[in-house]
Amino acid sequence: MTRNNQLQEIFETYGDEYLKNHKLPSYIKKVISDIKFCRTSNIGGHIEQCEKCGDIRISYNSCRNRHCPKCQTLAKEKWIYNQEKNLLPVGYFHIVFTLPNEFNTLILLNQNIMYNLLFKSVSETLLELAKDKKYLDAEIGVTTILHTWGQNLMYHPHIHCIVPSGGLSNLGNKWNNSKEKFFIPVKVLSRKFRGKFLSYFKEEFKIQKFTLNKDTLEFTNSQSYKNFINEMYYKEWIVYSKAPYKSASHVLKYLGRYTHRVAISNDRILDIKDNKITFKWRDYKDNNKKLMQLSSDEFIRRFVTHILPSSFVKIRHYGLNSNRNINTKLKRCKILLKVYRQGEDKKMLSAAELFLKITGINICQCKNCNNGNYIRKNKIEPRSTSPPLIKGSTK
């Protein structure tokens, strides 16, 4: 392979044909285009010159699309850097809420409505049960992250939650520690979540115009709809809870695995040829790593099911972590836990400064003389031709 960005190569090679053969909404077309042209002359860039030796280099712009694997590393590190100040010196639980597969087609057809219902049901389940005197009798902080895929790229909507092992007492005068394993039994979480989601879903279905297709015709028949709802009430919904991480640094590393992950990373794509895509995946049924080969059409079809609607917020904060509580209730928790420091707000770092902090590499330093830094000189307008010829280049 000539590229190290395999997903980009897939869209370069097979993207136009897929777009020609399938009717797609504009936001999905934009994602395909962004990934295809990321860091190429098509979306422009800038010319930089070393302040010491005069060496010139061309830097093309990143697409910055949240579905592009090439662009998410720095975005992830920037997000984590900004979140460090909101972590508490306690353990953190990882909880995953999953919707039954029977909802999948309806969710795909009505993503904004259904994803918002999922966030609402998950957050209220955790916040309300934590406030219950039977469990924690406290207000907790919750960070939630929507994922829609499994390892084989099939559609699998679920929400990852990071929750501290304790919370601010309902009176606001002390920190209540949770039990070591977890303060809310998984079965209680599952049934509360199921009840909330189905209740909100029935309300929305009465007032919203849901998009339906031939696979969801049962929702147009009142008796079939009632049978479906009853079946969902009797079904056990899956909620997974993992033991807490003991330090804030572990939490941040763990968060980094989920916050800006895309449906498939480039290092999992092994081969692209003859309209076939081969990639690695882990089968959690037997916990073995396997290879999967799909036609280019089927690979792209699976990938685009995980493209979120424009401006949809996939990472959300609730309770102590919400914006309105960060400077009040979360601050109070830090005082109670004796970790609050006056003026602890972090300095905003540029992309180059953050990259240096993470990797120790100064991306502004001239590789020709190793002495000066590159200074931006001229802007390159977006174009679809070859790189511009530069007068006065030292190379």
Protein backbone atom coordinates (compact mmCIF):
# COMPACT_ATOMS: atom_id res chain seq x y z
CA MET A 1 0.00 0.00 0.00
CA THR A 2 1.24 3.46 -0.85
CA ARG A 3 -0.68 5.34 1.83
CA ASN A 4 -0.64 5.12 5.58
CA ASN A 5 -4.21 6.41 5.75
CA GLN A 6 -6.15 3.37 4.63
CA LEU A 7 -9.65 4.78 5.18
CA GLN A 8 -8.73 7.72 2.96
CA GLU A 9 -7.56 5.31 0.28
CA ILE A 10 -10.85 3.40 0.46
CA PHE A 11 -12.85 6.56 -0.17
CA GLU A 12 -10.43 7.71 -2.89
CA THR A 13 -10.75 4.38 -4.69
CA TYR A 14 -14.38 3.41 -4.13
CA GLY A 15 -16.13 6.48 -2.71
CA ASP A 16 -17.32 8.03 -5.99
CA GLU A 17 -18.85 4.76 -7.16
CA TYR A 18 -20.65 4.31 -3.84
CA LEU A 19 -22.06 7.85 -3.97
CA LYS A 20 -23.24 7.27 -7.53
CA ASN A 21 -25.10 4.08 -6.59
CA HIS A 22 -26.62 5.17 -3.27
CA LYS A 23 -28.83 8.06 -2.26
CA LEU A 24 -27.25 9.62 0.83
CA PRO A 25 -27.99 12.72 2.93
CA SER A 26 -25.67 15.69 2.44
CA TYR A 27 -23.97 15.35 5.84
CA ILE A 28 -22.80 11.82 4.97
CA LYS A 29 -21.53 12.97 1.58
CA LYS A 30 -19.57 15.71 3.35
CA VAL A 31 -17.88 13.21 5.69
CA ILE A 32 -16.82 11.04 2.75
CA SER A 33 -15.47 14.10 0.94
CA ASP A 34 -13.64 15.40 4.03
CA ILE A 35 -11.86 12.09 4.67
CA LYS A 36 -11.05 11.69 0.98
CA PHE A 37 -9.38 15.12 0.73
CA CYS A 38 -7.89 15.43 4.24
CA ARG A 39 -4.38 16.96 4.12
CA THR A 40 -4.40 17.35 0.35
CA SER A 41 -4.29 20.40 -1.91
CA ASN A 42 -8.06 20.13 -2.38
CA ILE A 43 -8.78 21.80 0.95
CA GLY A 44 -5.86 24.22 0.94
CA GLY A 45 -3.08 24.83 3.40
CA HIS A 46 -0.20 27.22 3.99
CA ILE A 47 3.45 27.81 3.13
CA GLU A 48 5.94 28.02 5.98
CA GLN A 49 9.55 29.23 5.95
CA CYS A 50 12.32 28.61 8.50
CA GLU A 51 13.28 31.84 10.28
CA LYS A 52 16.97 30.79 10.30
CA CYS A 53 17.88 28.96 7.09
CA GLY A 54 14.97 29.91 4.84
CA ASP A 55 13.87 26.33 4.16
CA ILE A 56 10.28 26.17 2.84
CA ARG A 57 7.65 23.53 3.44
CA ILE A 58 4.01 23.08 2.45
CA SER A 59 1.45 22.05 5.08
CA TYR A 60 -1.98 21.03 3.85
CA ASN A 61 -5.01 21.47 6.08
CA SER A 62 -6.63 18.68 8.05
CA CYS A 63 -10.35 18.18 7.44
CA ARG A 64 -10.98 18.16 11.22
CA ASN A 65 -13.99 15.95 10.72
CA ARG A 66 -14.80 13.96 13.84
CA HIS A 67 -15.24 10.80 11.73
CA CYS A 68 -11.74 11.03 10.23
CA PRO A 69 -9.25 8.78 12.08
CA LYS A 70 -6.31 10.92 10.95
CA CYS A 71 -7.72 14.02 12.67
CA GLN A 72 -8.87 12.56 15.99
CA THR A 73 -5.57 11.99 17.83
CA LEU A 74 -4.89 15.66 18.50
CA ALA A 75 -8.58 16.42 19.09
CA LYS A 76 -8.67 13.63 21.68
CA GLU A 77 -5.57 14.87 23.51
CA LYS A 78 -6.88 18.44 23.53
CA TRP A 79 -10.19 17.29 25.02
CA ILE A 80 -8.43 15.19 27.69
CA TYR A 81 -6.09 18.06 28.57
CA ASN A 82 -9.09 20.34 29.12
CA GLN A 83 -10.94 17.71 31.19
CA GLU A 84 -8.12 17.02 33.65
CA LYS A 85 -9.16 19.89 35.90
CA ASN A 86 -12.64 18.33 36.38
CA LEU A 87 -11.43 14.97 37.72
CA LEU A 88 -11.66 14.16 41.42
CA PRO A 89 -9.15 12.11 43.48
CA VAL A 90 -11.48 9.09 43.70
CA GLY A 91 -12.07 5.89 41.77
CA TYR A 92 -14.22 5.97 38.65
CA PHE A 93 -16.67 3.37 37.35
CA HIS A 94 -17.19 2.52 33.69
CA ILE A 95 -20.81 1.66 32.86
CA VAL A 96 -22.25 0.76 29.45
CA PHE A 97 -25.95 0.98 28.55
CA THR A 98 -27.08 -0.88 25.41
CA LEU A 99 -30.42 -0.75 23.59
CA PRO A 100 -31.98 -4.01 22.36
CA ASN A 101 -31.24 -4.83 18.70
CA GLU A 102 -34.96 -4.65 17.91
CA PHE A 103 -34.71 -0.84 17.94
CA ASN A 104 -31.78 -0.64 15.50
CA THR A 105 -33.63 0.08 12.26
CA LEU A 106 -35.89 2.64 13.92
CA ILE A 107 -32.87 4.39 15.45
CA LEU A 108 -31.04 4.56 12.11
CA LEU A 109 -34.09 6.16 10.50
CA ASN A 110 -34.62 8.64 13.38
CA GLN A 111 -31.18 9.26 14.82
CA ASN A 112 -31.63 12.66 16.45
CA ILE A 113 -34.82 11.66 18.28
CA MET A 114 -33.66 8.23 19.39
CA TYR A 115 -30.11 9.16 20.40
CA ASN A 116 -31.45 12.04 22.51
CA LEU A 117 -33.90 9.66 24.18
CA LEU A 118 -30.99 7.33 24.91
CA PHE A 119 -28.91 10.09 26.53
CA LYS A 120 -31.88 11.31 28.55
CA SER A 121 -32.79 7.84 29.83
CA VAL A 122 -29.20 6.92 30.75
CA SER A 123 -28.41 10.18 32.57
CA GLU A 124 -31.66 10.25 34.53
CA THR A 125 -31.27 6.60 35.51
CA LEU A 126 -27.85 7.24 37.07
CA LEU A 127 -28.64 10.61 38.66
CA GLU A 128 -31.96 9.55 40.19
CA LEU A 129 -30.75 6.24 41.61
CA ALA A 130 -27.63 7.90 43.06
CA LYS A 131 -29.83 10.41 44.92
CA ASP A 132 -31.90 7.57 46.40
CA LYS A 133 -31.14 7.05 50.12
CA LYS A 134 -31.02 3.28 49.52
CA TYR A 135 -27.89 3.70 47.41
CA LEU A 136 -25.71 6.81 47.68
CA ASP A 137 -27.94 9.66 48.86
CA ALA A 138 -25.84 12.05 46.79
CA GLU A 139 -25.48 13.91 43.50
CA ILE A 140 -22.93 12.42 41.15
CA GLY A 141 -21.10 13.56 38.03
CA VAL A 142 -21.54 11.64 34.78
CA THR A 143 -19.66 11.84 31.48
CA THR A 144 -21.46 10.00 28.67
CA ILE A 145 -20.12 9.01 25.24
CA LEU A 146 -22.24 7.63 22.39
CA HIS A 147 -20.87 4.77 20.30
CA THR A 148 -22.81 3.02 17.56
CA TRP A 149 -20.52 0.23 16.37
CA GLY A 150 -19.20 -3.17 17.24
CA GLN A 151 -15.79 -4.52 16.24
CA ASN A 152 -17.22 -5.92 12.98
CA LEU A 153 -18.66 -2.48 12.07
CA MET A 154 -22.22 -3.69 12.53
CA TYR A 155 -24.71 -1.25 14.07
CA HIS A 156 -24.70 -1.48 17.86
CA PRO A 157 -25.81 1.77 19.61
CA HIS A 158 -24.69 2.08 23.23
CA ILE A 159 -23.49 4.70 25.70
CA HIS A 160 -20.29 4.57 27.75
CA CYS A 161 -20.47 6.35 31.10
CA ILE A 162 -17.67 7.39 33.44
CA VAL A 163 -18.94 7.92 36.99
CA PRO A 164 -16.99 8.81 40.17
CA SER A 165 -17.20 6.38 43.11
CA GLY A 166 -19.14 8.79 45.27
CA GLY A 167 -20.92 12.12 45.19
CA LEU A 168 -21.90 15.32 46.95
CA SER A 169 -24.41 14.61 49.72
CA ASN A 170 -27.95 15.82 49.07
CA LEU A 171 -27.42 18.40 51.83
CA GLY A 172 -24.23 19.55 50.11
CA ASN A 173 -22.12 19.35 53.27
CA LYS A 174 -20.02 16.20 52.74
CA TRP A 175 -18.65 13.74 50.21
CA ASN A 176 -20.41 10.34 50.25
CA ASN A 177 -18.19 7.44 49.16
CA SER A 178 -19.80 4.61 47.25
CA LYS A 179 -19.43 0.93 48.03
CA GLU A 180 -16.25 -0.64 46.70
CA LYS A 181 -17.84 -2.62 43.87
CA PHE A 182 -20.63 -0.21 42.95
CA PHE A 183 -23.35 1.70 44.72
CA ILE A 184 -26.19 0.65 42.38
CA PRO A 185 -26.83 -3.03 41.45
CA VAL A 186 -26.65 -3.65 37.69
CA LYS A 187 -30.11 -5.23 37.62
CA VAL A 188 -31.60 -2.12 39.25
CA LEU A 189 -29.86 0.07 36.67
CA SER A 190 -31.09 -2.12 33.81
CA ARG A 191 -34.73 -2.06 34.85
CA LYS A 192 -34.79 1.64 35.63
CA PHE A 193 -33.19 2.35 32.25
CA ARG A 194 -35.66 0.09 30.45
CA GLY A 195 -38.65 1.74 32.12
CA LYS A 196 -37.43 5.26 31.42
CA PHE A 197 -36.52 4.66 27.77
CA LEU A 198 -39.80 2.92 26.93
CA SER A 199 -41.83 5.59 28.73
CA TYR A 200 -40.09 8.42 26.85
CA PHE A 201 -40.23 6.49 23.59
CA LYS A 202 -44.02 6.04 23.84
CA GLU A 203 -44.45 9.76 24.53
CA GLU A 204 -42.28 10.74 21.57
CA PHE A 205 -43.95 8.24 19.24
CA LYS A 206 -47.32 9.92 19.89
CA ILE A 207 -46.14 13.42 19.02
CA GLN A 208 -43.19 13.00 16.62
CA LYS A 209 -43.39 12.06 12.98
CA PHE A 210 -41.07 9.06 12.95
CA THR A 211 -39.57 7.98 9.64
CA LEU A 212 -40.51 4.37 8.88
CA ASN A 213 -39.67 1.87 6.14
CA LYS A 214 -40.73 -1.63 5.12
CA ASP A 215 -38.79 -3.12 8.05
CA THR A 216 -40.64 -0.99 10.62
CA LEU A 217 -44.21 -1.29 9.32
CA GLU A 218 -45.28 -2.95 12.57
CA PHE A 219 -45.18 0.47 14.19
CA THR A 220 -48.07 1.61 11.94
CA ASN A 221 -50.37 -1.09 13.32
CA SER A 222 -51.63 -0.32 16.83
CA GLN A 223 -51.77 -3.95 17.96
CA SER A 224 -48.32 -4.78 16.56
CA TYR A 225 -46.96 -1.66 18.22
CA LYS A 226 -48.44 -2.70 21.59
CA ASN A 227 -47.04 -6.20 21.20
CA PHE A 228 -43.59 -4.76 20.48
CA ILE A 229 -43.70 -2.51 23.56
CA ASN A 230 -44.83 -5.41 25.76
CA GLU A 231 -42.05 -7.59 24.38
CA MET A 232 -39.49 -4.88 25.21
CA TYR A 233 -40.81 -4.58 28.78
CA TYR A 234 -40.32 -8.30 29.35
CA LYS A 235 -36.86 -8.39 27.75
CA GLU A 236 -33.77 -8.02 29.98
CA TRP A 237 -31.80 -4.97 28.83
CA ILE A 238 -28.00 -5.12 28.99
CA VAL A 239 -26.12 -2.85 31.37
CA TYR A 240 -22.43 -3.54 32.03
CA SER A 241 -20.44 -2.16 34.98
CA LYS A 242 -16.68 -2.37 35.47
CA ALA A 243 -14.77 -1.96 38.74
CA PRO A 244 -13.39 1.54 39.40
CA TYR A 245 -10.08 2.91 38.22
CA LYS A 246 -8.10 4.06 41.22
CA SER A 247 -6.39 7.16 39.87
CA ALA A 248 -7.31 10.16 37.74
CA SER A 249 -4.47 9.39 35.28
CA HIS A 250 -5.93 5.92 34.63
CA VAL A 251 -9.35 7.46 34.06
CA LEU A 252 -7.95 9.91 31.51
CA LYS A 253 -6.14 7.16 29.62
CA TYR A 254 -9.30 5.10 29.63
CA LEU A 255 -11.45 8.04 28.51
CA GLY A 256 -9.04 8.61 25.65
CA ARG A 257 -9.91 5.18 24.27
CA TYR A 258 -13.55 6.17 23.85
CA THR A 259 -14.04 9.94 23.47
CA HIS A 260 -12.78 10.49 19.93
CA ARG A 261 -12.70 6.97 18.58
CA VAL A 262 -14.14 6.47 15.09
CA ALA A 263 -15.85 3.33 13.82
CA ILE A 264 -12.58 1.83 12.59
CA SER A 265 -8.97 2.94 12.98
CA ASN A 266 -6.47 2.85 10.12
CA ASP A 267 -4.25 0.29 11.83
CA ARG A 268 -7.08 -2.27 11.71
CA ILE A 269 -7.36 -2.07 7.92
CA LEU A 270 -4.96 -4.62 6.45
CA ASP A 271 -5.63 -4.84 2.73
CA ILE A 272 -7.49 -2.96 -0.02
CA LYS A 273 -7.67 -4.55 -3.46
CA ASP A 274 -10.03 -5.99 -6.06
CA ASN A 275 -13.07 -4.31 -4.45
CA LYS A 276 -12.34 -6.14 -1.19
CA ILE A 277 -11.44 -4.66 2.22
CA THR A 278 -9.76 -6.86 4.85
CA PHE A 279 -9.58 -5.71 8.46
CA LYS A 280 -8.88 -7.01 11.96
CA TRP A 281 -11.63 -7.40 14.53
CA ARG A 282 -12.09 -8.98 17.95
CA ASP A 283 -14.92 -11.44 18.41
CA TYR A 284 -15.97 -10.95 22.03
CA LYS A 285 -17.96 -14.19 22.02
CA ASP A 286 -14.74 -16.17 22.14
CA ASN A 287 -12.37 -13.21 22.75
CA ASN A 288 -10.31 -14.03 19.68
CA LYS A 289 -8.81 -11.67 17.10
CA LYS A 290 -10.02 -12.47 13.60
CA LEU A 291 -9.91 -11.19 10.04
CA MET A 292 -12.97 -10.06 8.11
CA GLN A 293 -13.19 -9.41 4.39
CA LEU A 294 -16.01 -7.30 2.96
CA SER A 295 -16.79 -5.94 -0.46
CA SER A 296 -15.92 -2.24 -0.74
CA ASP A 297 -19.64 -1.48 -1.05
CA GLU A 298 -20.52 -3.34 2.14
CA PHE A 299 -17.58 -1.86 4.05
CA ILE A 300 -18.61 1.70 3.15
CA ARG A 301 -22.27 0.89 3.89
CA ARG A 302 -21.36 -0.25 7.39
CA PHE A 303 -19.07 2.73 7.99
CA VAL A 304 -21.63 5.36 6.99
CA THR A 305 -24.23 3.96 9.41
CA HIS A 306 -21.97 5.32 12.17
CA ILE A 307 -21.78 8.87 10.81
CA LEU A 308 -23.68 11.10 13.22
CA PRO A 309 -26.01 13.90 12.11
CA SER A 310 -24.38 17.32 11.74
CA SER A 311 -23.82 19.17 15.04
CA PHE A 312 -25.02 16.21 17.10
CA VAL A 313 -23.23 16.21 20.47
CA LYS A 314 -21.83 12.73 21.20
CA ILE A 315 -20.06 13.56 24.51
CA ARG A 316 -22.31 14.98 27.22
CA HIS A 317 -21.85 15.85 30.91
CA TYR A 318 -24.48 15.64 33.64
CA GLY A 319 -24.85 16.31 37.36
CA LEU A 320 -21.65 17.59 38.96
CA ASN A 321 -19.94 17.54 35.54
CA SER A 322 -22.49 19.75 33.79
CA ASN A 323 -21.41 23.25 32.81
CA ARG A 324 -23.69 24.94 35.34
CA ASN A 325 -22.24 22.91 38.23
CA ILE A 326 -18.51 22.87 37.44
CA ASN A 327 -17.81 26.17 39.23
CA THR A 328 -20.23 25.53 42.10
CA LYS A 329 -20.98 21.96 43.14
CA LEU A 330 -17.88 20.37 41.59
CA LYS A 331 -15.78 23.07 43.21
CA ARG A 332 -17.47 22.23 46.52
CA CYS A 333 -16.47 18.56 46.06
CA LYS A 334 -12.84 19.55 45.51
CA ILE A 335 -12.90 21.62 48.70
CA LEU A 336 -14.38 18.70 50.67
CA LEU A 337 -11.80 16.33 49.19
CA LYS A 338 -9.04 18.89 49.90
CA VAL A 339 -7.77 19.16 46.34
CA TYR A 340 -9.08 22.58 45.34
CA ARG A 341 -6.47 25.18 44.41
CA GLN A 342 -7.22 28.82 43.74
CA GLY A 343 -6.70 29.85 40.12
CA GLU A 344 -6.33 26.28 38.86
CA ASP A 345 -7.69 26.99 35.37
CA LYS A 346 -5.32 25.71 32.70
CA LYS A 347 -3.62 27.80 30.09
CA MET A 348 -5.02 27.23 26.60
CA LEU A 349 -2.41 25.53 24.42
CA SER A 350 -1.98 25.81 20.67
CA ALA A 351 -1.96 22.61 18.60
CA ALA A 352 1.85 22.77 18.34
CA GLU A 353 2.27 23.31 22.11
CA LEU A 354 -0.08 20.42 22.89
CA PHE A 355 1.71 18.11 20.45
CA LEU A 356 5.04 19.02 22.09
CA LYS A 357 3.59 18.29 25.54
CA ILE A 358 2.24 14.90 24.45
CA THR A 359 5.07 13.61 22.25
CA GLY A 360 8.07 15.79 23.05
CA ILE A 361 8.29 16.65 19.34
CA ASN A 362 8.40 20.28 18.24
CA ILE A 363 6.51 20.24 14.95
CA CYS A 364 7.49 23.87 14.33
CA GLN A 365 11.23 23.13 14.36
CA CYS A 366 13.02 23.17 11.02
CA LYS A 367 14.22 19.70 10.02
CA ASN A 368 16.73 21.19 7.61
CA CYS A 369 18.86 23.13 10.13
CA ASN A 370 17.39 21.94 13.48
CA ASN A 371 17.88 25.48 14.72
CA GLY A 372 15.02 27.73 13.62
CA ASN A 373 11.26 27.45 13.65
CA TYR A 374 8.94 27.51 10.65
CA ILE A 375 6.94 30.73 10.33
CA ARG A 376 3.73 30.85 8.33
CA LYS A 377 4.16 32.98 5.20
CA ASN A 378 1.37 32.44 2.70
CA LYS A 379 -2.02 30.80 2.52
CA ILE A 380 -2.75 28.16 -0.12
CA GLU A 381 -6.32 28.37 -1.35
CA PRO A 382 -8.27 25.11 -1.71
CA ARG A 383 -7.65 23.54 -5.10
CA SER A 384 -7.90 20.23 -6.91
CA THR A 385 -4.62 20.47 -8.81
CA SER A 386 -1.08 19.47 -7.95
CA PRO A 387 0.93 21.31 -5.23
CA PRO A 388 1.96 24.87 -6.16
CA LEU A 389 5.40 25.67 -7.48
CA ILE A 390 7.28 27.81 -4.96
CA LYS A 391 9.81 30.40 -6.02
CA GLY A 392 12.90 30.77 -3.89
CA SER A 393 12.79 27.29 -2.34
CA THR A 394 16.14 26.20 -0.98
CA LYS A 395 15.49 22.62 -2.04
